[in-house]
Structure formats: structure tokens, C-alpha cells
């Protein structure tokens, strides 16, 4: 949660004992993407980080990340998400 919270353009919702976390995409900061699905498809294609668009869970504008993976794998995935967001964030 803490690492995701530091990524510009993402706003994680702290989970309460769940095995996943919902993360809001501040879409205005990522003008390249037209939807949460577009964001996820590009993230999967470029960084091999599999997650689901929030629209699948009636949370459009969010992504859902699974937390029930090994710590090292999770840290690697978050690093990839950081790199991805840094590439696409709108410089203001």
C-alpha cells in the first residue's frame, strides 16, 4: 500500500484483510489511456504485470491487484508499475 501510494497518478484504497487492492487511476494524469481497460492492457503488454480493470467489479477508473503472491514477486510488480506510470504520467 505504501509504495503504491507514492506513485504519482495512482490512489490505492487500503485493503481491510482482503487478498487484493483496488487502485484508482487519476485518468487526467494519463492522457494516453482512454479507460481502465486500456491502462491494464498496456501495463500487461509492456510490463507483464497482470491485473484486472476495475470495470470488471463495477469500479470504473480503478485496477485490481492481487496481493496473495510472494513478497519478492509483489515488489517486482510494484517496481514495474512505478516504471510504467513514470513513462506515461503527464508532466505538469
Protein backbone atom coordinates (compact mmCIF):
# COMPACT_ATOMS: atom_id res chain seq x y z
CA UNK A 1 0.00 0.00 0.00
CA UNK A 2 2.70 2.49 0.98
CA UNK A 3 4.69 2.05 -2.24
CA UNK A 4 1.59 2.33 -4.40
CA UNK A 5 0.55 5.47 -2.53
CA UNK A 6 3.79 7.16 -3.58
CA UNK A 7 3.23 6.61 -7.31
CA UNK A 8 2.00 9.81 -8.93
CA UNK A 9 -1.33 9.21 -10.65
CA UNK A 10 -2.39 6.24 -8.52
CA UNK A 11 -4.52 6.29 -5.36
CA UNK A 12 -4.70 2.90 -3.60
CA UNK A 13 -7.58 2.02 -1.30
CA UNK A 14 -6.17 0.39 1.82
CA UNK A 15 -7.48 -3.18 1.97
CA UNK A 16 -9.13 -4.48 5.13
CA UNK A 17 -7.85 -8.04 5.19
CA UNK A 18 -8.52 -8.76 1.52
CA UNK A 19 -6.16 -10.57 -0.84
CA UNK A 20 -6.39 -7.75 -3.35
CA UNK A 21 -6.16 -3.98 -3.50
CA UNK A 22 -8.17 -1.53 -5.58
CA UNK A 23 -6.13 1.33 -7.03
CA UNK A 24 -7.73 4.44 -8.53
CA UNK A 25 -6.17 5.71 -11.74
CA UNK A 26 -6.14 9.51 -11.88
CA UNK A 27 -7.00 9.41 -15.57
CA UNK A 28 -6.38 13.11 -16.13
CA UNK A 29 -2.71 12.43 -15.40
CA UNK A 30 -2.52 9.68 -18.04
CA UNK A 31 -3.96 11.22 -21.23
CA UNK A 32 -2.69 8.33 -23.36
CA UNK A 33 -5.30 5.98 -21.89
CA UNK A 34 -9.00 6.08 -22.70
CA UNK A 35 -10.16 3.72 -19.94
CA UNK A 36 -9.06 1.46 -17.10
CA UNK A 37 -9.11 -1.41 -19.62
CA UNK A 38 -6.74 0.46 -21.94
CA UNK A 39 -4.42 1.18 -18.98
CA UNK A 40 -4.42 -2.51 -17.92
CA UNK A 41 -3.93 -3.85 -21.44
CA UNK A 42 -0.90 -1.62 -21.94
CA UNK A 43 0.52 -2.44 -18.49
CA UNK A 44 0.22 -6.17 -19.22
CA UNK A 45 1.74 -5.81 -22.69
CA UNK A 46 4.67 -3.63 -21.66
CA UNK A 47 5.48 -4.76 -18.12
CA UNK A 48 3.94 -8.25 -17.83
CA UNK A 49 2.04 -7.17 -14.72
CA UNK A 50 -1.34 -8.87 -14.83
CA UNK A 51 -4.17 -7.06 -13.11
CA UNK A 52 -7.85 -6.55 -13.80
CA UNK A 53 -9.64 -3.36 -14.80
CA UNK A 54 -11.93 -2.04 -12.11
CA UNK A 55 -14.81 -2.04 -14.56
CA UNK A 56 -14.98 -5.82 -14.09
CA UNK A 57 -16.03 -5.14 -10.48
CA UNK A 58 -18.21 -2.08 -11.15
CA UNK A 59 -15.29 0.23 -10.19
CA UNK A 60 -14.52 2.02 -13.44
CA UNK A 61 -11.31 4.02 -13.32
CA UNK A 62 -9.62 1.54 -10.96
CA UNK A 63 -7.39 -1.51 -11.30
CA UNK A 64 -7.42 -4.54 -9.02
CA UNK A 65 -4.11 -6.05 -7.95
CA UNK A 66 -3.81 -9.42 -6.23
CA UNK A 67 -1.70 -9.44 -3.06
CA UNK A 68 -1.56 -13.19 -2.42
CA UNK A 69 1.74 -13.68 -4.22
CA UNK A 70 5.26 -13.92 -2.87
CA UNK A 71 6.82 -10.77 -1.40
CA UNK A 72 9.64 -10.63 -3.97
CA UNK A 73 7.22 -11.05 -6.88
CA UNK A 74 4.96 -8.35 -5.45
CA UNK A 75 7.87 -5.93 -5.02
CA UNK A 76 8.97 -6.59 -8.61
CA UNK A 77 5.44 -5.97 -9.88
CA UNK A 78 5.21 -2.68 -7.99
CA UNK A 79 8.55 -1.59 -9.45
CA UNK A 80 7.22 -2.36 -12.93
CA UNK A 81 4.06 -0.37 -12.18
CA UNK A 82 6.21 2.55 -10.98
CA UNK A 83 8.27 2.43 -14.19
CA UNK A 84 5.14 2.21 -16.34
CA UNK A 85 3.44 5.16 -14.63
CA UNK A 86 6.63 7.25 -14.86
CA UNK A 87 6.67 6.69 -18.64
CA UNK A 88 3.06 7.76 -19.15
CA UNK A 89 2.40 10.40 -16.48
CA UNK A 90 1.67 13.82 -17.92
CA UNK A 91 4.40 16.25 -16.98
CA UNK A 92 2.81 19.34 -15.47
